[in-house]
Protein backbone atom coordinates (compact mmCIF):
# COMPACT_ATOMS: atom_id res chain seq x y z
CA UNK A 1 11.18 -11.25 14.81
CA UNK A 2 11.62 -14.50 12.83
CA UNK A 3 13.98 -16.18 11.04
CA UNK A 4 13.83 -16.91 7.15
CA UNK A 5 15.90 -18.54 5.27
CA UNK A 6 16.09 -18.32 1.39
CA UNK A 7 17.72 -19.72 -1.26
CA UNK A 8 19.53 -17.96 -4.38
CA UNK A 9 21.11 -18.70 -7.26
CA UNK A 10 24.50 -17.49 -7.73
CA UNK A 11 23.58 -14.68 -9.60
CA UNK A 12 20.89 -13.31 -8.11
CA UNK A 13 23.23 -13.35 -4.50
CA UNK A 14 25.70 -11.47 -6.14
CA UNK A 15 23.35 -8.88 -7.44
CA UNK A 16 21.77 -9.21 -3.65
CA UNK A 17 25.31 -8.28 -2.46
CA UNK A 18 26.19 -5.82 -5.08
CA UNK A 19 23.75 -3.63 -3.78
CA UNK A 20 24.61 -3.94 -0.07
CA UNK A 21 28.20 -3.54 -1.22
CA UNK A 22 27.29 -0.09 -2.79
CA UNK A 23 25.64 1.19 0.01
CA UNK A 24 21.98 1.27 -0.95
CA UNK A 25 21.07 -0.76 1.50
CA UNK A 26 23.08 -2.23 5.11
CA UNK A 27 22.16 -5.78 4.59
CA UNK A 28 20.68 -8.47 2.63
CA UNK A 29 17.87 -8.75 4.91
CA UNK A 30 17.11 -4.57 4.52
CA UNK A 31 17.33 -5.21 0.88
CA UNK A 32 14.75 -8.16 0.98
CA UNK A 33 12.21 -6.21 3.31
CA UNK A 34 12.45 -3.34 0.82
CA UNK A 35 11.51 -6.19 -2.19
CA UNK A 36 8.56 -6.92 0.12
CA UNK A 37 7.39 -3.57 1.34
CA UNK A 38 7.53 -2.56 -2.73
CA UNK A 39 5.50 -5.96 -3.04
CA UNK A 40 3.27 -5.09 -0.72
CA UNK A 41 2.19 -1.62 -1.81
CA UNK A 42 1.65 -3.11 -5.50
CA UNK A 43 -0.82 -5.81 -4.12
CA UNK A 44 -2.67 -2.92 -2.40
CA UNK A 45 -3.03 -0.67 -5.62
CA UNK A 46 -4.07 -3.80 -7.32
CA UNK A 47 -7.09 -4.57 -5.32
CA UNK A 48 -7.78 -0.43 -4.77
CA UNK A 49 -7.96 -0.73 -8.09
CA UNK A 50 -10.03 -3.50 -8.51
CA UNK A 51 -12.24 -2.12 -5.54
CA UNK A 52 -12.38 1.40 -7.72
CA UNK A 53 -13.60 -0.53 -10.90
CA UNK A 54 -15.89 -2.78 -9.39
CA UNK A 55 -17.48 0.71 -8.23
CA UNK A 56 -17.57 1.88 -11.30
CA UNK A 57 -19.40 -0.67 -12.69
CA UNK A 58 -21.77 -1.47 -9.85
CA UNK A 59 -24.87 0.49 -11.70
CA UNK A 60 -26.12 3.57 -13.62
CA UNK A 61 -24.22 6.74 -13.28
CA UNK A 62 -25.82 9.38 -11.20
CA UNK A 63 -24.71 13.05 -11.20
CA UNK A 64 -22.99 14.71 -8.61
CA UNK A 65 -24.11 17.44 -7.11
CA UNK A 66 -22.29 20.48 -5.26
CA UNK A 67 -24.81 19.29 -2.54
CA UNK A 68 -24.19 15.72 -2.55
CA UNK A 69 -20.74 16.48 -2.22
CA UNK A 70 -21.08 19.01 0.75
CA UNK A 71 -22.85 16.08 2.57
CA UNK A 72 -20.25 13.52 1.68
CA UNK A 73 -17.73 16.61 3.00
CA UNK A 74 -19.79 16.60 7.00
CA UNK A 75 -20.30 12.89 6.93
CA UNK A 76 -16.35 12.51 7.16
CA UNK A 77 -15.43 15.32 8.90
CA UNK A 78 -17.72 14.02 11.55
CA UNK A 79 -16.39 10.50 11.36
CA UNK A 80 -12.63 11.95 11.76
CA UNK A 81 -14.08 14.10 14.71
CA UNK A 82 -15.55 10.41 16.05
CA UNK A 83 -12.55 8.67 15.56
CA UNK A 84 -10.87 11.94 17.25
CA UNK A 85 -12.64 11.21 20.32
CA UNK A 86 -12.02 7.52 20.38
CA UNK A 87 -8.54 7.68 19.97
CA UNK A 88 -7.82 9.92 23.42
């Protein structure tokens, strides 16, 4: 793990220290790591939303039939089985 120094205005520094003192986090580093993780999740969600919106707007809608759902399910199960075999 590499070290990173950051500068915060006094009110922000005090807020972080208060979070640690209150027992919500064991250190300022843990607090910052949690903030970064939350931001990473937010970015991943935004990217997923963009992909889904792009897919929705990609063409004319088609009717989804039970047969189509079964076919997709079978392909996904086959893919999962293949990954299990490769992962062994």
